[in-house]
Amino acid sequence: MHSYTYIAISQLNDFMFCPYSIYLHNVYMGSDEENYHATPQIKGKAAHERVDNKTASTRKDVLTSLPVYSETLGIMGKIDIYKGNEKLLIERKLHLKRIFKGQIYQLWAQYFCMIEMGYEVEHLAFYEISTNKTTPIDLPGEKGKIELISFIENFRNYNPTDMIVINPNKCLHCIYCNLCDKTDMENVYT
C-alpha cells in the first residue's frame, strides 16, 4: 500500500487548466459556491444530476456514478457511465466544443481504475449532452499510461508557492479569477 493521499480524478482536468486553481478550490470550498461558481459550472452541475442520482439509464448493463480507484496510480473518483454490454466507458459533458488534454487524462484515469478493479473496458468516449453527440477516444495503451503517470506525479509534486504562469485566456475563463491573488483580471462571468 502506498503512503500518499489519493488524488481526485475530477481534479486532473482542473490541474491541467491551472495548477493554482486546485489550491484556490481547496481554500474556498468551505464557502458558499455562489461566491465563485459561474454559469457554466452551475449548468454543468445540473446536467450531471441524472448521472449522480443514477437516473441516467434504466438498462441493467449500465452503471452510473460508480466509485472507482486505482491503488497503483493513487487516484479515485467516480465514472459517469459504463455500458457493460458494449464495454464502453463514457464521460459526459454539457458542452464540448473542444476536447482538452486534461479531459482525456480524466477519462484515461477512469479507464485505468476500471481495469484495475476488474472491469472490461474496450472503448472510451465523451458524450456531449447539449448536442447528443458521442465522440470516441482511443484507449491510452502503454504510452498513454506512462504519460498519465508522469502527469499525476507532476500533480503530486506541485507546490502552490512555485511561479505561476499567467495565461490571460485561461484566467478570463477561470471561476477563481476574481479571487486569485496572482492576477488582477476579471473573468468573463462577472
Protein backbone atom coordinates (compact mmCIF):
# COMPACT_ATOMS: atom_id res chain seq x y z
CA MET A 1 0.00 0.00 0.00
CA HIS A 2 1.24 3.48 -0.88
CA SER A 3 1.69 6.22 1.70
CA TYR A 4 0.22 9.05 -0.34
CA THR A 5 -3.14 10.77 -0.40
CA TYR A 6 -5.34 9.75 -3.32
CA ILE A 7 -5.89 12.40 -5.99
CA ALA A 8 -9.47 13.03 -7.13
CA ILE A 9 -9.82 12.17 -10.81
CA SER A 10 -12.02 15.24 -11.33
CA GLN A 11 -9.06 17.44 -10.37
CA LEU A 12 -6.81 16.17 -13.19
CA ASN A 13 -8.50 18.41 -15.77
CA ASP A 14 -8.51 21.32 -13.31
CA PHE A 15 -4.78 20.86 -12.68
CA MET A 16 -4.06 20.88 -16.42
CA PHE A 17 -6.13 24.06 -16.77
CA CYS A 18 -4.27 25.82 -13.94
CA PRO A 19 -2.46 24.11 -11.03
CA TYR A 20 -3.16 27.08 -8.79
CA SER A 21 -6.92 26.63 -9.28
CA ILE A 22 -6.71 23.40 -7.23
CA TYR A 23 -5.22 25.38 -4.37
CA LEU A 24 -7.89 28.08 -4.70
CA HIS A 25 -10.62 25.44 -4.83
CA ASN A 26 -9.40 23.97 -1.55
CA VAL A 27 -9.19 27.42 0.05
CA TYR A 28 -12.74 28.39 -0.98
CA MET A 29 -14.52 25.00 -0.90
CA GLY A 30 -15.88 25.64 2.58
CA SER A 31 -17.51 28.87 1.45
CA ASP A 32 -20.73 29.42 -0.45
CA GLU A 33 -20.38 28.18 -4.06
CA GLU A 34 -22.23 31.29 -5.22
CA ASN A 35 -19.05 33.24 -4.39
CA TYR A 36 -17.12 31.57 -7.20
CA HIS A 37 -19.30 29.23 -9.31
CA ALA A 38 -20.13 30.74 -12.68
CA THR A 39 -22.96 29.93 -15.07
CA PRO A 40 -21.06 27.10 -16.87
CA GLN A 41 -20.39 25.30 -13.57
CA ILE A 42 -23.98 25.72 -12.40
CA LYS A 43 -25.37 24.40 -15.70
CA GLY A 44 -22.83 21.55 -15.81
CA LYS A 45 -23.67 20.51 -12.27
CA ALA A 46 -27.39 20.50 -13.08
CA ALA A 47 -26.80 18.45 -16.25
CA HIS A 48 -24.75 15.96 -14.26
CA GLU A 49 -27.51 15.31 -11.70
CA ARG A 50 -29.05 12.43 -13.70
CA VAL A 51 -25.75 10.54 -13.52
CA ASP A 52 -25.13 11.44 -9.88
CA ASN A 53 -28.66 10.36 -8.93
CA LYS A 54 -28.27 7.18 -11.02
CA THR A 55 -31.30 8.01 -13.17
CA ALA A 56 -29.44 8.42 -16.48
CA SER A 57 -30.30 4.89 -17.58
CA THR A 58 -32.61 2.05 -16.60
CA ARG A 59 -30.65 -0.62 -18.50
CA LYS A 60 -29.32 -3.38 -16.24
CA ASP A 61 -25.94 -3.44 -18.01
CA VAL A 62 -25.37 0.31 -17.44
CA LEU A 63 -23.54 1.54 -14.35
CA THR A 64 -23.69 5.23 -13.46
CA SER A 65 -21.79 7.25 -10.89
CA LEU A 66 -19.70 4.23 -9.88
CA PRO A 67 -16.94 5.00 -7.34
CA VAL A 68 -13.57 3.87 -8.74
CA TYR A 69 -9.98 3.92 -7.58
CA SER A 70 -6.52 2.79 -8.56
CA GLU A 71 -4.09 1.89 -5.84
CA THR A 72 -1.36 1.71 -8.49
CA LEU A 73 -1.91 5.31 -9.67
CA GLY A 74 -3.11 6.72 -6.35
CA ILE A 75 -6.31 8.16 -7.80
CA MET A 76 -10.00 7.90 -7.01
CA GLY A 77 -13.28 9.28 -8.24
CA LYS A 78 -16.48 8.32 -10.00
CA ILE A 79 -17.22 7.36 -13.55
CA ASP A 80 -20.19 8.82 -15.37
CA ILE A 81 -21.44 5.83 -17.39
CA TYR A 82 -20.20 2.32 -18.10
CA LYS A 83 -22.15 0.26 -20.63
CA GLY A 84 -21.22 -3.32 -19.77
CA ASN A 85 -22.60 -4.99 -22.89
CA GLU A 86 -20.54 -2.64 -25.06
CA LYS A 87 -17.55 -2.46 -22.67
CA LEU A 88 -17.83 1.32 -23.14
CA LEU A 89 -16.79 3.96 -20.60
CA ILE A 90 -18.37 7.39 -21.17
CA GLU A 91 -17.56 10.80 -19.68
CA ARG A 92 -20.49 13.21 -20.03
CA LYS A 93 -20.06 16.95 -20.61
CA LEU A 94 -22.78 19.55 -21.08
CA HIS A 95 -20.85 21.35 -23.84
CA LEU A 96 -17.78 20.02 -25.61
CA LYS A 97 -16.64 22.44 -28.30
CA ARG A 98 -13.14 21.04 -28.00
CA ILE A 99 -11.63 18.12 -26.06
CA PHE A 100 -8.67 19.21 -23.94
CA LYS A 101 -5.79 17.02 -22.79
CA GLY A 102 -6.89 17.34 -19.14
CA GLN A 103 -10.29 15.90 -20.05
CA ILE A 104 -8.59 12.99 -21.80
CA TYR A 105 -6.42 12.38 -18.72
CA GLN A 106 -9.58 12.32 -16.64
CA LEU A 107 -11.13 9.65 -18.90
CA TRP A 108 -7.87 7.66 -19.04
CA ALA A 109 -7.70 7.74 -15.24
CA GLN A 110 -11.24 6.36 -15.01
CA TYR A 111 -10.28 3.67 -17.53
CA PHE A 112 -7.23 2.53 -15.56
CA CYS A 113 -9.29 2.45 -12.35
CA MET A 114 -11.94 0.31 -14.02
CA ILE A 115 -9.32 -2.08 -15.44
CA GLU A 116 -7.57 -2.39 -12.07
CA MET A 117 -10.96 -3.09 -10.43
CA GLY A 118 -11.59 -5.95 -12.87
CA TYR A 119 -13.99 -4.37 -15.37
CA GLU A 120 -13.60 -4.96 -19.09
CA VAL A 121 -13.30 -1.67 -20.95
CA GLU A 122 -12.62 -1.76 -24.69
CA HIS A 123 -13.97 1.64 -25.73
CA LEU A 124 -13.84 5.20 -24.40
CA ALA A 125 -15.99 8.16 -25.40
CA PHE A 126 -17.14 11.63 -24.47
CA TYR A 127 -20.84 12.37 -24.68
CA GLU A 128 -21.95 15.97 -25.23
CA ILE A 129 -25.34 16.38 -23.55
CA SER A 130 -26.31 19.61 -25.37
CA THR A 131 -25.90 18.08 -28.84
CA ASN A 132 -26.49 14.39 -28.05
CA LYS A 133 -23.14 13.69 -29.75
CA THR A 134 -20.72 10.90 -28.80
CA THR A 135 -17.01 11.28 -29.60
CA PRO A 136 -14.91 8.10 -29.39
CA ILE A 137 -11.45 8.36 -27.80
CA ASP A 138 -8.59 5.92 -28.37
CA LEU A 139 -7.54 3.70 -25.49
CA PRO A 140 -4.36 5.05 -23.87
CA GLY A 141 -2.15 1.98 -24.29
CA GLU A 142 1.21 1.70 -22.51
CA LYS A 143 2.47 5.05 -23.87
CA GLY A 144 -0.66 6.80 -22.57
CA LYS A 145 -0.28 5.13 -19.18
CA ILE A 146 3.31 6.38 -18.86
CA GLU A 147 2.15 9.88 -19.88
CA LEU A 148 -0.66 9.81 -17.30
CA ILE A 149 1.66 8.55 -14.54
CA SER A 150 4.08 11.41 -15.29
CA PHE A 151 1.22 13.93 -15.17
CA ILE A 152 -0.04 12.52 -11.84
CA GLU A 153 3.49 12.79 -10.40
CA ASN A 154 3.66 16.44 -11.51
CA PHE A 155 0.33 16.99 -9.77
CA ARG A 156 1.51 15.21 -6.63
CA ASN A 157 4.73 17.25 -6.50
CA TYR A 158 3.13 20.62 -7.24
CA ASN A 159 3.95 23.43 -4.81
CA PRO A 160 1.46 26.35 -4.87
CA THR A 161 4.28 28.75 -3.98
CA ASP A 162 6.02 27.95 -7.28
CA MET A 163 5.97 30.57 -10.01
CA ILE A 164 2.58 30.69 -11.73
CA VAL A 165 2.48 31.30 -15.46
CA ILE A 166 -0.43 33.63 -16.12
CA ASN A 167 -2.36 32.73 -19.25
CA PRO A 168 -4.82 35.60 -19.86
CA ASN A 169 -7.18 33.42 -21.93
CA LYS A 170 -7.38 30.80 -19.19
CA CYS A 171 -7.70 33.44 -16.46
CA LEU A 172 -10.64 35.02 -18.27
CA HIS A 173 -12.45 31.66 -18.09
CA CYS A 174 -11.39 30.65 -14.60
CA ILE A 175 -14.11 30.68 -11.95
CA TYR A 176 -11.50 31.63 -9.34
CA CYS A 177 -10.06 34.55 -11.33
CA ASN A 178 -11.81 37.21 -9.26
CA LEU A 179 -10.50 35.57 -6.07
CA CYS A 180 -6.97 34.85 -7.35
CA ASP A 181 -4.01 36.69 -5.85
CA LYS A 182 -1.88 36.04 -8.97
CA THR A 183 -3.81 38.30 -11.34
CA ASP A 184 -5.98 41.39 -11.22
CA MET A 185 -8.10 40.28 -14.19
CA GLU A 186 -11.86 39.78 -14.02
CA ASN A 187 -13.32 36.64 -15.50
CA VAL A 188 -15.91 36.72 -18.28
CA TYR A 189 -18.67 35.58 -15.90
CA THR A 190 -18.95 38.77 -13.81
